[in-house]
PDB file of N, CA and C in Angstrom:
ATOM      1  N   MET A   1      30.241   4.062  14.360  1.00  0.00           N
ATOM      2  CA  MET A   1      29.630   5.029  15.235  1.00  0.00           C
ATOM      3  C   MET A   1      28.605   4.336  16.113  1.00  0.00           C
ATOM      4  N   ALA A   2      28.657   4.584  17.372  1.00  0.00           N
ATOM      5  CA  ALA A   2      27.741   3.970  18.319  1.00  0.00           C
ATOM      6  C   ALA A   2      26.393   4.683  18.271  1.00  0.00           C
ATOM      7  N   LEU A   3      25.342   3.897  18.239  1.00  0.00           N
ATOM      8  CA  LEU A   3      23.997   4.453  18.221  1.00  0.00           C
ATOM      9  C   LEU A   3      23.491   4.638  19.642  1.00  0.00           C
ATOM     10  N   PRO A   4      22.545   5.562  19.846  1.00  0.00           N
ATOM     11  CA  PRO A   4      21.927   5.674  21.167  1.00  0.00           C
ATOM     12  C   PRO A   4      21.254   4.358  21.548  1.00  0.00           C
ATOM     13  N   VAL A   5      21.096   4.125  22.837  1.00  0.00           N
ATOM     14  CA  VAL A   5      20.518   2.877  23.337  1.00  0.00           C
ATOM     15  C   VAL A   5      19.131   2.640  22.731  1.00  0.00           C
ATOM     16  N   LYS A   6      18.339   3.686  22.594  1.00  0.00           N
ATOM     17  CA  LYS A   6      16.999   3.542  22.013  1.00  0.00           C
ATOM     18  C   LYS A   6      17.084   2.958  20.609  1.00  0.00           C
ATOM     19  N   ASP A   7      18.003   3.454  19.800  1.00  0.00           N
ATOM     20  CA  ASP A   7      18.168   2.948  18.437  1.00  0.00           C
ATOM     21  C   ASP A   7      18.662   1.508  18.434  1.00  0.00           C
ATOM     22  N   THR A   8      19.561   1.185  19.349  1.00  0.00           N
ATOM     23  CA  THR A   8      20.065  -0.182  19.456  1.00  0.00           C
ATOM     24  C   THR A   8      18.932  -1.131  19.837  1.00  0.00           C
ATOM     25  N   MET A   9      18.077  -0.712  20.746  1.00  0.00           N
ATOM     26  CA  MET A   9      16.950  -1.557  21.153  1.00  0.00           C
ATOM     27  C   MET A   9      15.970  -1.765  20.002  1.00  0.00           C
ATOM     28  N   GLU A  10      15.806  -0.767  19.165  1.00  0.00           N
ATOM     29  CA  GLU A  10      14.961  -0.930  17.980  1.00  0.00           C
ATOM     30  C   GLU A  10      15.560  -1.967  17.035  1.00  0.00           C
ATOM     31  N   LEU A  11      16.888  -1.946  16.893  1.00  0.00           N
ATOM     32  CA  LEU A  11      17.557  -2.952  16.075  1.00  0.00           C
ATOM     33  C   LEU A  11      17.363  -4.350  16.664  1.00  0.00           C
ATOM     34  N   VAL A  12      17.427  -4.451  17.990  1.00  0.00           N
ATOM     35  CA  VAL A  12      17.226  -5.747  18.656  1.00  0.00           C
ATOM     36  C   VAL A  12      15.818  -6.260  18.370  1.00  0.00           C
ATOM     37  N   GLU A  13      14.828  -5.396  18.471  1.00  0.00           N
ATOM     38  CA  GLU A  13      13.446  -5.804  18.195  1.00  0.00           C
ATOM     39  C   GLU A  13      13.285  -6.264  16.753  1.00  0.00           C
ATOM     40  N   GLN A  14      13.904  -5.559  15.818  1.00  0.00           N
ATOM     41  CA  GLN A  14      13.831  -5.954  14.408  1.00  0.00           C
ATOM     42  C   GLN A  14      14.526  -7.299  14.180  1.00  0.00           C
ATOM     43  N   ALA A  15      15.661  -7.498  14.848  1.00  0.00           N
ATOM     44  CA  ALA A  15      16.397  -8.760  14.715  1.00  0.00           C
ATOM     45  C   ALA A  15      15.598  -9.913  15.333  1.00  0.00           C
ATOM     46  N   MET A  16      14.878  -9.647  16.408  1.00  0.00           N
ATOM     47  CA  MET A  16      14.035 -10.673  17.030  1.00  0.00           C
ATOM     48  C   MET A  16      12.928 -11.113  16.080  1.00  0.00           C
ATOM     49  N   ALA A  17      12.452 -10.210  15.249  1.00  0.00           N
ATOM     50  CA  ALA A  17      11.431 -10.563  14.276  1.00  0.00           C
ATOM     51  C   ALA A  17      11.996 -11.525  13.220  1.00  0.00           C
ATOM     52  N   VAL A  18      13.294 -11.457  12.995  1.00  0.00           N
ATOM     53  CA  VAL A  18      13.946 -12.328  12.012  1.00  0.00           C
ATOM     54  C   VAL A  18      14.310 -13.671  12.631  1.00  0.00           C
ATOM     55  N   VAL A  19      14.922 -13.640  13.820  1.00  0.00           N
ATOM     56  CA  VAL A  19      15.475 -14.845  14.429  1.00  0.00           C
ATOM     57  C   VAL A  19      14.434 -15.615  15.245  1.00  0.00           C
ATOM     58  N   LYS A  20      13.538 -14.927  15.918  1.00  0.00           N
ATOM     59  CA  LYS A  20      12.442 -15.494  16.714  1.00  0.00           C
ATOM     60  C   LYS A  20      12.863 -16.025  18.087  1.00  0.00           C
ATOM     61  N   SER A  21      14.120 -16.348  18.289  1.00  0.00           N
ATOM     62  CA  SER A  21      14.599 -16.883  19.561  1.00  0.00           C
ATOM     63  C   SER A  21      15.646 -15.954  20.145  1.00  0.00           C
ATOM     64  N   ARG A  22      15.390 -15.444  21.333  1.00  0.00           N
ATOM     65  CA  ARG A  22      16.367 -14.530  21.934  1.00  0.00           C
ATOM     66  C   ARG A  22      17.678 -15.241  22.246  1.00  0.00           C
ATOM     67  N   TYR A  23      17.598 -16.545  22.535  1.00  0.00           N
ATOM     68  CA  TYR A  23      18.812 -17.300  22.825  1.00  0.00           C
ATOM     69  C   TYR A  23      19.663 -17.463  21.567  1.00  0.00           C
ATOM     70  N   LEU A  24      19.021 -17.803  20.465  1.00  0.00           N
ATOM     71  CA  LEU A  24      19.742 -17.920  19.204  1.00  0.00           C
ATOM     72  C   LEU A  24      20.285 -16.564  18.773  1.00  0.00           C
ATOM     73  N   LEU A  25      19.510 -15.515  18.985  1.00  0.00           N
ATOM     74  CA  LEU A  25      19.976 -14.168  18.650  1.00  0.00           C
ATOM     75  C   LEU A  25      21.244 -13.828  19.426  1.00  0.00           C
ATOM     76  N   CYS A  26      21.270 -14.136  20.709  1.00  0.00           N
ATOM     77  CA  CYS A  26      22.470 -13.872  21.520  1.00  0.00           C
ATOM     78  C   CYS A  26      23.679 -14.629  21.003  1.00  0.00           C
ATOM     79  N   ILE A  27      23.462 -15.874  20.618  1.00  0.00           N
ATOM     80  CA  ILE A  27      24.562 -16.685  20.090  1.00  0.00           C
ATOM     81  C   ILE A  27      25.071 -16.097  18.777  1.00  0.00           C
ATOM     82  N   LEU A  28      24.148 -15.767  17.880  1.00  0.00           N
ATOM     83  CA  LEU A  28      24.539 -15.194  16.586  1.00  0.00           C
ATOM     84  C   LEU A  28      25.308 -13.892  16.765  1.00  0.00           C
ATOM     85  N   ILE A  29      24.807 -13.026  17.632  1.00  0.00           N
ATOM     86  CA  ILE A  29      25.468 -11.742  17.867  1.00  0.00           C
ATOM     87  C   ILE A  29      26.861 -11.962  18.442  1.00  0.00           C
ATOM     88  N   SER A  30      26.955 -12.815  19.432  1.00  0.00           N
ATOM     89  CA  SER A  30      28.245 -13.075  20.078  1.00  0.00           C
ATOM     90  C   SER A  30      29.264 -13.616  19.085  1.00  0.00           C
ATOM     91  N   GLN A  31      28.861 -14.588  18.294  1.00  0.00           N
ATOM     92  CA  GLN A  31      29.781 -15.177  17.334  1.00  0.00           C
ATOM     93  C   GLN A  31      30.181 -14.168  16.260  1.00  0.00           C
ATOM     94  N   ARG A  32      29.227 -13.372  15.810  1.00  0.00           N
ATOM     95  CA  ARG A  32      29.547 -12.393  14.774  1.00  0.00           C
ATOM     96  C   ARG A  32      30.474 -11.307  15.306  1.00  0.00           C
ATOM     97  N   ILE A  33      30.260 -10.866  16.536  1.00  0.00           N
ATOM     98  CA  ILE A  33      31.155  -9.863  17.128  1.00  0.00           C
ATOM     99  C   ILE A  33      32.580 -10.400  17.202  1.00  0.00           C
ATOM    100  N   HIS A  34      32.732 -11.664  17.574  1.00  0.00           N
ATOM    101  CA  HIS A  34      34.070 -12.264  17.625  1.00  0.00           C
ATOM    102  C   HIS A  34      34.698 -12.301  16.233  1.00  0.00           C
ATOM    103  N   GLN A  35      33.898 -12.615  15.208  1.00  0.00           N
ATOM    104  CA  GLN A  35      34.416 -12.619  13.845  1.00  0.00           C
ATOM    105  C   GLN A  35      34.868 -11.221  13.432  1.00  0.00           C
ATOM    106  N   LEU A  36      34.057 -10.223  13.754  1.00  0.00           N
ATOM    107  CA  LEU A  36      34.411  -8.843  13.402  1.00  0.00           C
ATOM    108  C   LEU A  36      35.669  -8.391  14.137  1.00  0.00           C
ATOM    109  N   GLU A  37      35.812  -8.802  15.394  1.00  0.00           N
ATOM    110  CA  GLU A  37      37.015  -8.461  16.153  1.00  0.00           C
ATOM    111  C   GLU A  37      38.267  -9.064  15.524  1.00  0.00           C
ATOM    112  N   LYS A  38      38.102 -10.214  14.875  1.00  0.00           N
ATOM    113  CA  LYS A  38      39.236 -10.883  14.237  1.00  0.00           C
ATOM    114  C   LYS A  38      39.483 -10.377  12.824  1.00  0.00           C
ATOM    115  N   GLY A  39      38.690  -9.397  12.379  1.00  0.00           N
ATOM    116  CA  GLY A  39      38.957  -8.781  11.086  1.00  0.00           C
ATOM    117  C   GLY A  39      38.007  -9.132   9.962  1.00  0.00           C
ATOM    118  N   ALA A  40      36.915  -9.827  10.246  1.00  0.00           N
ATOM    119  CA  ALA A  40      35.950 -10.160   9.191  1.00  0.00           C
ATOM    120  C   ALA A  40      35.348  -8.887   8.612  1.00  0.00           C
ATOM    121  N   ALA A  41      35.090  -8.922   7.322  1.00  0.00           N
ATOM    122  CA  ALA A  41      34.494  -7.772   6.641  1.00  0.00           C
ATOM    123  C   ALA A  41      32.983  -7.767   6.868  1.00  0.00           C
ATOM    124  N   PRO A  42      32.372  -6.593   6.934  1.00  0.00           N
ATOM    125  CA  PRO A  42      30.914  -6.514   7.052  1.00  0.00           C
ATOM    126  C   PRO A  42      30.244  -7.176   5.845  1.00  0.00           C
ATOM    127  N   THR A  43      29.090  -7.787   6.073  1.00  0.00           N
ATOM    128  CA  THR A  43      28.359  -8.453   4.995  1.00  0.00           C
ATOM    129  C   THR A  43      27.292  -7.547   4.391  1.00  0.00           C
ATOM    130  N   ILE A  44      27.184  -6.329   4.891  1.00  0.00           N
ATOM    131  CA  ILE A  44      26.242  -5.362   4.335  1.00  0.00           C
ATOM    132  C   ILE A  44      27.018  -4.133   3.888  1.00  0.00           C
ATOM    133  N   ASP A  45      26.392  -3.310   3.100  1.00  0.00           N
ATOM    134  CA  ASP A  45      27.048  -2.129   2.552  1.00  0.00           C
ATOM    135  C   ASP A  45      27.060  -1.011   3.586  1.00  0.00           C
ATOM    136  N   VAL A  46      28.193  -0.878   4.276  1.00  0.00           N
ATOM    137  CA  VAL A  46      28.390   0.189   5.261  1.00  0.00           C
ATOM    138  C   VAL A  46      29.794   0.753   5.075  1.00  0.00           C
ATOM    139  N   ASP A  47      30.029   1.903   5.642  1.00  0.00           N
ATOM    140  CA  ASP A  47      31.377   2.470   5.627  1.00  0.00           C
ATOM    141  C   ASP A  47      32.196   1.742   6.692  1.00  0.00           C
ATOM    142  N   PRO A  48      33.194   0.948   6.294  1.00  0.00           N
ATOM    143  CA  PRO A  48      33.978   0.193   7.272  1.00  0.00           C
ATOM    144  C   PRO A  48      34.634   1.069   8.333  1.00  0.00           C
ATOM    145  N   ASP A  49      34.897   2.328   8.001  1.00  0.00           N
ATOM    146  CA  ASP A  49      35.513   3.226   8.975  1.00  0.00           C
ATOM    147  C   ASP A  49      34.577   3.558  10.127  1.00  0.00           C
ATOM    148  N   ASP A  50      33.270   3.400   9.919  1.00  0.00           N
ATOM    149  CA  ASP A  50      32.302   3.666  10.989  1.00  0.00           C
ATOM    150  C   ASP A  50      32.194   2.505  11.960  1.00  0.00           C
ATOM    151  N   TYR A  51      32.713   1.343  11.591  1.00  0.00           N
ATOM    152  CA  TYR A  51      32.580   0.140  12.418  1.00  0.00           C
ATOM    153  C   TYR A  51      33.947  -0.483  12.646  1.00  0.00           C
ATOM    154  N   THR A  52      34.728   0.168  13.480  1.00  0.00           N
ATOM    155  CA  THR A  52      36.087  -0.304  13.729  1.00  0.00           C
ATOM    156  C   THR A  52      36.332  -0.703  15.175  1.00  0.00           C
ATOM    157  N   SER A  53      35.393  -0.428  16.058  1.00  0.00           N
ATOM    158  CA  SER A  53      35.607  -0.748  17.466  1.00  0.00           C
ATOM    159  C   SER A  53      34.549  -1.733  17.947  1.00  0.00           C
ATOM    160  N   PRO A  54      34.881  -2.507  18.958  1.00  0.00           N
ATOM    161  CA  PRO A  54      33.916  -3.470  19.495  1.00  0.00           C
ATOM    162  C   PRO A  54      32.590  -2.836  19.920  1.00  0.00           C
ATOM    163  N   LYS A  55      32.597  -1.571  20.289  1.00  0.00           N
ATOM    164  CA  LYS A  55      31.358  -0.904  20.683  1.00  0.00           C
ATOM    165  C   LYS A  55      30.383  -0.798  19.515  1.00  0.00           C
ATOM    166  N   THR A  56      30.884  -0.744  18.302  1.00  0.00           N
ATOM    167  CA  THR A  56      30.024  -0.602  17.132  1.00  0.00           C
ATOM    168  C   THR A  56      29.653  -1.950  16.515  1.00  0.00           C
ATOM    169  N   PHE A  57      30.351  -3.025  16.907  1.00  0.00           N
ATOM    170  CA  PHE A  57      30.104  -4.323  16.307  1.00  0.00           C
ATOM    171  C   PHE A  57      28.723  -4.883  16.660  1.00  0.00           C
ATOM    172  N   LEU A  58      28.176  -4.531  17.821  1.00  0.00           N
ATOM    173  CA  LEU A  58      26.839  -4.986  18.195  1.00  0.00           C
ATOM    174  C   LEU A  58      25.820  -4.495  17.168  1.00  0.00           C
ATOM    175  N   ASN A  59      25.849  -3.210  16.887  1.00  0.00           N
ATOM    176  CA  ASN A  59      24.895  -2.645  15.936  1.00  0.00           C
ATOM    177  C   ASN A  59      25.112  -3.204  14.536  1.00  0.00           C
ATOM    178  N   LEU A  60      26.356  -3.373  14.149  1.00  0.00           N
ATOM    179  CA  LEU A  60      26.650  -3.919  12.828  1.00  0.00           C
ATOM    180  C   LEU A  60      26.122  -5.350  12.717  1.00  0.00           C
ATOM    181  N   SER A  61      26.356  -6.165  13.732  1.00  0.00           N
ATOM    182  CA  SER A  61      25.880  -7.548  13.673  1.00  0.00           C
ATOM    183  C   SER A  61      24.351  -7.601  13.661  1.00  0.00           C
ATOM    184  N   LEU A  62      23.695  -6.716  14.402  1.00  0.00           N
ATOM    185  CA  LEU A  62      22.232  -6.663  14.376  1.00  0.00           C
ATOM    186  C   LEU A  62      21.721  -6.284  12.988  1.00  0.00           C
ATOM    187  N   MET A  63      22.364  -5.305  12.364  1.00  0.00           N
ATOM    188  CA  MET A  63      21.948  -4.889  11.024  1.00  0.00           C
ATOM    189  C   MET A  63      22.148  -6.020  10.017  1.00  0.00           C
ATOM    190  N   GLU A  64      23.230  -6.784  10.169  1.00  0.00           N
ATOM    191  CA  GLU A  64      23.476  -7.916   9.271  1.00  0.00           C
ATOM    192  C   GLU A  64      22.387  -8.979   9.434  1.00  0.00           C
ATOM    193  N   ILE A  65      21.977  -9.230  10.668  1.00  0.00           N
ATOM    194  CA  ILE A  65      20.920 -10.210  10.921  1.00  0.00           C
ATOM    195  C   ILE A  65      19.604  -9.733  10.318  1.00  0.00           C
ATOM    196  N   ILE A  66      19.279  -8.469  10.504  1.00  0.00           N
ATOM    197  CA  ILE A  66      18.041  -7.902   9.965  1.00  0.00           C
ATOM    198  C   ILE A  66      18.019  -8.012   8.450  1.00  0.00           C
ATOM    199  N   GLU A  67      19.163  -7.778   7.822  1.00  0.00           N
ATOM    200  CA  GLU A  67      19.263  -7.853   6.360  1.00  0.00           C
ATOM    201  C   GLU A  67      19.239  -9.299   5.854  1.00  0.00           C
ATOM    202  N   GLY A  68      19.334 -10.263   6.768  1.00  0.00           N
ATOM    203  CA  GLY A  68      19.319 -11.668   6.363  1.00  0.00           C
ATOM    204  C   GLY A  68      20.664 -12.178   5.909  1.00  0.00           C
ATOM    205  N   ASN A  69      21.737 -11.522   6.314  1.00  0.00           N
ATOM    206  CA  ASN A  69      23.081 -11.901   5.864  1.00  0.00           C
ATOM    207  C   ASN A  69      23.815 -12.811   6.836  1.00  0.00           C
ATOM    208  N   MET A  70      23.118 -13.347   7.817  1.00  0.00           N
ATOM    209  CA  MET A  70      23.769 -14.259   8.757  1.00  0.00           C
ATOM    210  C   MET A  70      22.923 -15.505   8.907  1.00  0.00           C
ATOM    211  N   ASP A  71      23.580 -16.633   9.065  1.00  0.00           N
ATOM    212  CA  ASP A  71      22.883 -17.848   9.414  1.00  0.00           C
ATOM    213  C   ASP A  71      23.802 -18.699  10.270  1.00  0.00           C
ATOM    214  N   LEU A  72      23.282 -19.809  10.786  1.00  0.00           N
ATOM    215  CA  LEU A  72      24.071 -20.642  11.690  1.00  0.00           C
ATOM    216  C   LEU A  72      25.331 -21.190  11.035  1.00  0.00           C
ATOM    217  N   GLU A  73      25.256 -21.576   9.782  1.00  0.00           N
ATOM    218  CA  GLU A  73      26.419 -22.131   9.110  1.00  0.00           C
ATOM    219  C   GLU A  73      27.522 -21.113   8.987  1.00  0.00           C
ATOM    220  N   GLU A  74      27.160 -19.869   8.746  1.00  0.00           N
ATOM    221  CA  GLU A  74      28.149 -18.810   8.580  1.00  0.00           C
ATOM    222  C   GLU A  74      28.921 -18.564   9.873  1.00  0.00           C
ATOM    223  N   THR A  75      28.269 -18.742  11.028  1.00  0.00           N
ATOM    224  CA  THR A  75      28.907 -18.420  12.296  1.00  0.00           C
ATOM    225  C   THR A  75      29.816 -19.543  12.799  1.00  0.00           C
ATOM    226  N   LYS A  76      29.746 -20.740  12.198  1.00  0.00           N
ATOM    227  CA  LYS A  76      30.556 -21.851  12.680  1.00  0.00           C
ATOM    228  C   LYS A  76      32.012 -21.757  12.241  1.00  0.00           C
ATOM    229  N   GLY A  77      32.261 -21.165  11.099  1.00  0.00           N
ATOM    230  CA  GLY A  77      33.608 -21.148  10.555  1.00  0.00           C
ATOM    231  C   GLY A  77      34.377 -19.880  10.907  1.00  0.00           C
ATOM    232  N   GLU A  78      35.552 -19.805  10.353  1.00  0.00           N
ATOM    233  CA  GLU A  78      36.388 -18.624  10.524  1.00  0.00           C
ATOM    234  C   GLU A  78      35.835 -17.471   9.708  1.00  0.00           C
ATOM    235  N   PRO A  79      36.261 -16.251   9.993  1.00  0.00           N
ATOM    236  CA  PRO A  79      35.779 -15.097   9.226  1.00  0.00           C
ATOM    237  C   PRO A  79      36.079 -15.257   7.740  1.00  0.00           C
ATOM    238  N   ALA A  80      35.157 -14.776   6.945  1.00  0.00           N
ATOM    239  CA  ALA A  80      35.333 -14.871   5.492  1.00  0.00           C
ATOM    240  C   ALA A  80      36.391 -13.912   5.001  1.00  0.00           C
TER     241      ALA A  80
END
């Protein structure tokens, strides 16, 4: 389910507190979205049926970063 822009921006701010670099955040988000598009399973406890389209992958990847479930090594390889 797609969140309103305000909610998405709040997620971005929270993710920035974790990553500290907007450039690294963009890279992490981009790579994770590509993994999700290829069928990777979410790394946090969510209903997979709510995150099935590319429009929802942005929010899912932000939530994964906030939860601390993503790092640079994870984004280099193929989806788990």
